[in-house]
Amino acid sequence: MKEITAKEVQQRIENGEKLNLIDVREVDEVQAGHIPGITHIPLGLLEFRTHELDKDTPYIMVCRSGGRSGQATQYLQSQGFDVTNMTGGMLSWEGKVE
């Protein structure tokens, strides 16, 4: 499984890169604070919403601590997607939050 740190994601965003971040936390967690520009797909709905994703697009998966996003990364990888897990999740995030 490919992994990236929260700091690396933050640096890439600050350098002007357009990243495709998918936050797999629950609605209340995302409302409490999320990285600007995320796509929100709760982990429990991921298998039903994979049709919304493009297999040619790289995605970075985000959750609170890295566990659920790790599960999401493994699932999407098994479906043929290019995905990377953001280790440490939002607990490690020091960048902007909406």
N, C-alpha and C. Protein backbone atom coordinates (compact mmCIF):
# COMPACT_ATOMS: atom_id res chain seq x y z
N MET A 1 0.84 -1.19 0.00
CA MET A 1 0.00 0.00 0.00
C MET A 1 0.88 1.24 0.00
N LYS A 2 0.58 2.16 -0.92
CA LYS A 2 1.33 3.41 -0.98
C LYS A 2 0.87 4.31 0.17
N GLU A 3 1.84 5.04 0.74
CA GLU A 3 1.52 5.94 1.85
C GLU A 3 2.19 7.29 1.63
N ILE A 4 1.57 8.31 2.21
CA ILE A 4 2.10 9.67 2.18
C ILE A 4 1.81 10.29 3.53
N THR A 5 2.70 11.13 4.03
CA THR A 5 2.44 11.77 5.32
C THR A 5 1.55 13.00 5.13
N ALA A 6 0.91 13.41 6.22
CA ALA A 6 0.07 14.61 6.19
C ALA A 6 0.91 15.82 5.80
N LYS A 7 2.16 15.86 6.28
CA LYS A 7 3.06 16.98 5.98
C LYS A 7 3.35 17.04 4.47
N GLU A 8 3.57 15.86 3.85
CA GLU A 8 3.84 15.84 2.41
C GLU A 8 2.61 16.31 1.62
N VAL A 9 1.43 15.90 2.06
CA VAL A 9 0.20 16.35 1.39
C VAL A 9 0.09 17.87 1.51
N GLN A 10 0.30 18.38 2.72
CA GLN A 10 0.22 19.82 2.96
C GLN A 10 1.20 20.58 2.07
N GLN A 11 2.45 20.10 1.98
CA GLN A 11 3.46 20.76 1.16
C GLN A 11 3.06 20.78 -0.31
N ARG A 12 2.51 19.66 -0.80
CA ARG A 12 2.10 19.58 -2.20
C ARG A 12 0.95 20.57 -2.48
N ILE A 13 0.01 20.67 -1.55
CA ILE A 13 -1.10 21.63 -1.72
C ILE A 13 -0.56 23.06 -1.71
N GLU A 14 0.33 23.35 -0.75
CA GLU A 14 0.90 24.70 -0.65
C GLU A 14 1.74 25.05 -1.87
N ASN A 15 2.26 24.04 -2.57
CA ASN A 15 3.03 24.27 -3.80
C ASN A 15 2.12 24.41 -5.01
N GLY A 16 0.81 24.40 -4.78
CA GLY A 16 -0.14 24.63 -5.87
C GLY A 16 -0.60 23.38 -6.60
N GLU A 17 -0.24 22.20 -6.09
CA GLU A 17 -0.68 20.96 -6.74
C GLU A 17 -2.17 20.74 -6.49
N LYS A 18 -2.85 20.23 -7.50
CA LYS A 18 -4.27 19.87 -7.36
C LYS A 18 -4.31 18.39 -7.01
N LEU A 19 -4.63 18.10 -5.75
CA LEU A 19 -4.68 16.71 -5.29
C LEU A 19 -6.13 16.26 -5.19
N ASN A 20 -6.37 15.01 -5.40
CA ASN A 20 -7.71 14.43 -5.26
C ASN A 20 -7.78 13.69 -3.93
N LEU A 21 -8.30 14.40 -2.93
CA LEU A 21 -8.38 13.86 -1.58
C LEU A 21 -9.78 13.32 -1.33
N ILE A 22 -9.86 12.10 -0.82
CA ILE A 22 -11.16 11.52 -0.45
C ILE A 22 -11.14 11.28 1.05
N ASP A 23 -12.06 11.95 1.75
CA ASP A 23 -12.19 11.82 3.20
C ASP A 23 -13.25 10.76 3.48
N VAL A 24 -12.86 9.69 4.18
CA VAL A 24 -13.78 8.58 4.41
C VAL A 24 -14.38 8.60 5.82
N ARG A 25 -14.24 9.72 6.53
CA ARG A 25 -14.83 9.82 7.87
C ARG A 25 -16.34 10.01 7.78
N GLU A 26 -16.98 9.96 8.94
CA GLU A 26 -18.43 10.16 9.00
C GLU A 26 -18.77 11.64 8.84
N VAL A 27 -20.03 11.92 8.54
CA VAL A 27 -20.50 13.28 8.26
C VAL A 27 -20.13 14.25 9.39
N ASP A 28 -20.42 13.88 10.65
CA ASP A 28 -20.14 14.80 11.76
C ASP A 28 -18.65 15.09 11.91
N GLU A 29 -17.81 14.11 11.62
CA GLU A 29 -16.36 14.33 11.71
C GLU A 29 -15.89 15.32 10.64
N VAL A 30 -16.43 15.17 9.43
CA VAL A 30 -16.05 16.05 8.33
C VAL A 30 -16.55 17.46 8.59
N GLN A 31 -17.77 17.58 9.13
CA GLN A 31 -18.31 18.90 9.44
C GLN A 31 -17.49 19.62 10.52
N ALA A 32 -16.89 18.85 11.41
CA ALA A 32 -16.07 19.43 12.48
C ALA A 32 -14.76 20.01 11.96
N GLY A 33 -14.36 19.62 10.75
CA GLY A 33 -13.15 20.16 10.15
C GLY A 33 -12.55 19.22 9.14
N HIS A 34 -12.30 19.75 7.94
CA HIS A 34 -11.72 18.93 6.87
C HIS A 34 -10.78 19.76 6.02
N ILE A 35 -9.95 19.08 5.25
CA ILE A 35 -9.02 19.74 4.34
C ILE A 35 -9.85 20.35 3.20
N PRO A 36 -9.62 21.62 2.86
CA PRO A 36 -10.38 22.25 1.77
C PRO A 36 -10.25 21.46 0.47
N GLY A 37 -11.37 21.30 -0.24
CA GLY A 37 -11.37 20.67 -1.55
C GLY A 37 -11.51 19.16 -1.55
N ILE A 38 -11.77 18.56 -0.40
CA ILE A 38 -11.92 17.10 -0.33
C ILE A 38 -13.20 16.64 -1.02
N THR A 39 -13.23 15.37 -1.36
CA THR A 39 -14.47 14.69 -1.73
C THR A 39 -14.81 13.84 -0.51
N HIS A 40 -16.05 13.93 -0.05
CA HIS A 40 -16.44 13.16 1.14
C HIS A 40 -17.21 11.92 0.72
N ILE A 41 -16.63 10.77 1.02
CA ILE A 41 -17.32 9.49 0.80
C ILE A 41 -17.09 8.66 2.07
N PRO A 42 -18.10 8.58 2.96
CA PRO A 42 -17.92 7.78 4.18
C PRO A 42 -17.51 6.35 3.83
N LEU A 43 -16.63 5.77 4.65
CA LEU A 43 -16.09 4.44 4.38
C LEU A 43 -17.20 3.43 4.09
N GLY A 44 -18.29 3.49 4.86
CA GLY A 44 -19.38 2.53 4.68
C GLY A 44 -20.09 2.63 3.34
N LEU A 45 -19.92 3.75 2.63
CA LEU A 45 -20.58 3.95 1.33
C LEU A 45 -19.62 3.79 0.16
N LEU A 46 -18.34 3.59 0.46
CA LEU A 46 -17.31 3.58 -0.59
C LEU A 46 -17.61 2.58 -1.70
N GLU A 47 -17.96 1.35 -1.34
CA GLU A 47 -18.18 0.34 -2.39
C GLU A 47 -19.36 0.69 -3.28
N PHE A 48 -20.31 1.49 -2.77
CA PHE A 48 -21.48 1.88 -3.55
C PHE A 48 -21.22 3.12 -4.40
N ARG A 49 -20.10 3.81 -4.13
CA ARG A 49 -19.82 5.07 -4.85
C ARG A 49 -18.55 5.02 -5.69
N THR A 50 -17.97 3.82 -5.87
CA THR A 50 -16.75 3.73 -6.68
C THR A 50 -16.99 4.17 -8.12
N HIS A 51 -18.24 4.09 -8.59
CA HIS A 51 -18.55 4.53 -9.97
C HIS A 51 -18.31 6.04 -10.14
N GLU A 52 -18.22 6.78 -9.04
CA GLU A 52 -17.96 8.22 -9.11
C GLU A 52 -16.47 8.51 -9.31
N LEU A 53 -15.64 7.50 -9.15
CA LEU A 53 -14.19 7.69 -9.23
C LEU A 53 -13.64 7.22 -10.57
N ASP A 54 -12.48 7.77 -10.94
CA ASP A 54 -11.84 7.48 -12.22
C ASP A 54 -10.56 6.68 -11.97
N LYS A 55 -10.45 5.53 -12.62
CA LYS A 55 -9.27 4.68 -12.40
C LYS A 55 -7.98 5.30 -12.92
N ASP A 56 -8.08 6.33 -13.75
CA ASP A 56 -6.88 7.01 -14.27
C ASP A 56 -6.46 8.17 -13.38
N THR A 57 -7.21 8.46 -12.33
CA THR A 57 -6.93 9.58 -11.42
C THR A 57 -6.32 9.06 -10.13
N PRO A 58 -5.17 9.62 -9.71
CA PRO A 58 -4.62 9.21 -8.41
C PRO A 58 -5.39 9.87 -7.27
N TYR A 59 -5.69 9.10 -6.23
CA TYR A 59 -6.42 9.61 -5.08
C TYR A 59 -5.60 9.43 -3.81
N ILE A 60 -5.82 10.35 -2.86
CA ILE A 60 -5.22 10.24 -1.53
C ILE A 60 -6.38 10.09 -0.55
N MET A 61 -6.32 9.03 0.24
CA MET A 61 -7.39 8.73 1.19
C MET A 61 -7.07 9.32 2.55
N VAL A 62 -8.10 9.92 3.20
CA VAL A 62 -7.93 10.62 4.47
C VAL A 62 -8.99 10.15 5.47
N CYS A 63 -8.60 9.98 6.74
CA CYS A 63 -9.56 9.76 7.83
C CYS A 63 -9.01 10.44 9.09
N ARG A 64 -9.46 10.01 10.26
CA ARG A 64 -9.02 10.66 11.49
C ARG A 64 -7.57 10.33 11.83
N SER A 65 -7.23 9.03 11.77
CA SER A 65 -5.88 8.64 12.21
C SER A 65 -5.11 7.81 11.18
N GLY A 66 -5.76 7.38 10.12
CA GLY A 66 -5.08 6.59 9.08
C GLY A 66 -5.58 5.17 8.97
N GLY A 67 -6.40 4.71 9.91
CA GLY A 67 -6.89 3.33 9.89
C GLY A 67 -7.97 3.09 8.85
N ARG A 68 -9.04 3.90 8.91
CA ARG A 68 -10.13 3.74 7.93
C ARG A 68 -9.67 4.06 6.52
N SER A 69 -8.81 5.09 6.40
CA SER A 69 -8.31 5.42 5.07
C SER A 69 -7.42 4.30 4.55
N GLY A 70 -6.75 3.58 5.45
CA GLY A 70 -5.96 2.42 5.05
C GLY A 70 -6.85 1.31 4.49
N GLN A 71 -7.98 1.08 5.16
CA GLN A 71 -8.95 0.09 4.66
C GLN A 71 -9.48 0.51 3.29
N ALA A 72 -9.81 1.80 3.16
CA ALA A 72 -10.32 2.33 1.90
C ALA A 72 -9.28 2.19 0.79
N THR A 73 -8.02 2.47 1.13
CA THR A 73 -6.92 2.37 0.16
C THR A 73 -6.80 0.92 -0.33
N GLN A 74 -6.81 -0.03 0.60
CA GLN A 74 -6.69 -1.43 0.21
C GLN A 74 -7.87 -1.86 -0.66
N TYR A 75 -9.07 -1.42 -0.30
CA TYR A 75 -10.26 -1.79 -1.08
C TYR A 75 -10.17 -1.23 -2.50
N LEU A 76 -9.88 0.08 -2.60
CA LEU A 76 -9.84 0.70 -3.93
C LEU A 76 -8.69 0.14 -4.77
N GLN A 77 -7.56 -0.16 -4.13
CA GLN A 77 -6.44 -0.78 -4.84
C GLN A 77 -6.89 -2.12 -5.45
N SER A 78 -7.64 -2.88 -4.68
CA SER A 78 -8.11 -4.18 -5.17
C SER A 78 -9.09 -4.04 -6.34
N GLN A 79 -9.67 -2.85 -6.47
CA GLN A 79 -10.61 -2.57 -7.56
C GLN A 79 -9.91 -1.93 -8.76
N GLY A 80 -8.58 -1.75 -8.66
CA GLY A 80 -7.81 -1.22 -9.79
C GLY A 80 -7.57 0.28 -9.77
N PHE A 81 -7.81 0.94 -8.63
CA PHE A 81 -7.59 2.38 -8.53
C PHE A 81 -6.18 2.70 -8.07
N ASP A 82 -5.70 3.91 -8.42
CA ASP A 82 -4.40 4.42 -8.00
C ASP A 82 -4.62 5.22 -6.72
N VAL A 83 -4.37 4.60 -5.57
CA VAL A 83 -4.68 5.25 -4.29
C VAL A 83 -3.49 5.21 -3.34
N THR A 84 -3.43 6.23 -2.48
CA THR A 84 -2.38 6.37 -1.48
C THR A 84 -3.05 6.71 -0.16
N ASN A 85 -2.58 6.13 0.92
CA ASN A 85 -3.12 6.41 2.25
C ASN A 85 -2.34 7.54 2.90
N MET A 86 -3.07 8.55 3.44
CA MET A 86 -2.42 9.62 4.21
C MET A 86 -2.26 9.12 5.65
N THR A 87 -1.02 8.76 6.00
CA THR A 87 -0.76 8.21 7.34
C THR A 87 -0.95 9.29 8.40
N GLY A 88 -1.45 8.87 9.55
CA GLY A 88 -1.66 9.81 10.66
C GLY A 88 -2.97 10.55 10.58
N GLY A 89 -3.58 10.58 9.39
CA GLY A 89 -4.89 11.22 9.20
C GLY A 89 -4.95 12.66 9.67
N MET A 90 -6.18 13.09 9.99
CA MET A 90 -6.40 14.48 10.39
C MET A 90 -5.73 14.80 11.72
N LEU A 91 -5.43 13.79 12.54
CA LEU A 91 -4.72 14.04 13.79
C LEU A 91 -3.32 14.59 13.52
N SER A 92 -2.76 14.28 12.35
CA SER A 92 -1.41 14.75 11.99
C SER A 92 -1.46 15.99 11.09
N TRP A 93 -2.64 16.40 10.67
CA TRP A 93 -2.78 17.50 9.72
C TRP A 93 -2.54 18.83 10.42
N GLU A 94 -1.67 19.66 9.83
CA GLU A 94 -1.36 20.97 10.40
C GLU A 94 -1.73 22.09 9.44
N GLY A 95 -2.27 21.73 8.27
CA GLY A 95 -2.61 22.73 7.26
C GLY A 95 -3.99 23.34 7.49
N LYS A 96 -4.48 24.04 6.47
CA LYS A 96 -5.79 24.69 6.54
C LYS A 96 -6.90 23.68 6.73
N VAL A 97 -7.93 24.11 7.46
CA VAL A 97 -9.11 23.27 7.71
C VAL A 97 -10.35 24.13 7.46
N GLU A 98 -11.36 23.52 6.84
CA GLU A 98 -12.64 24.22 6.65
C GLU A 98 -13.65 23.71 7.64
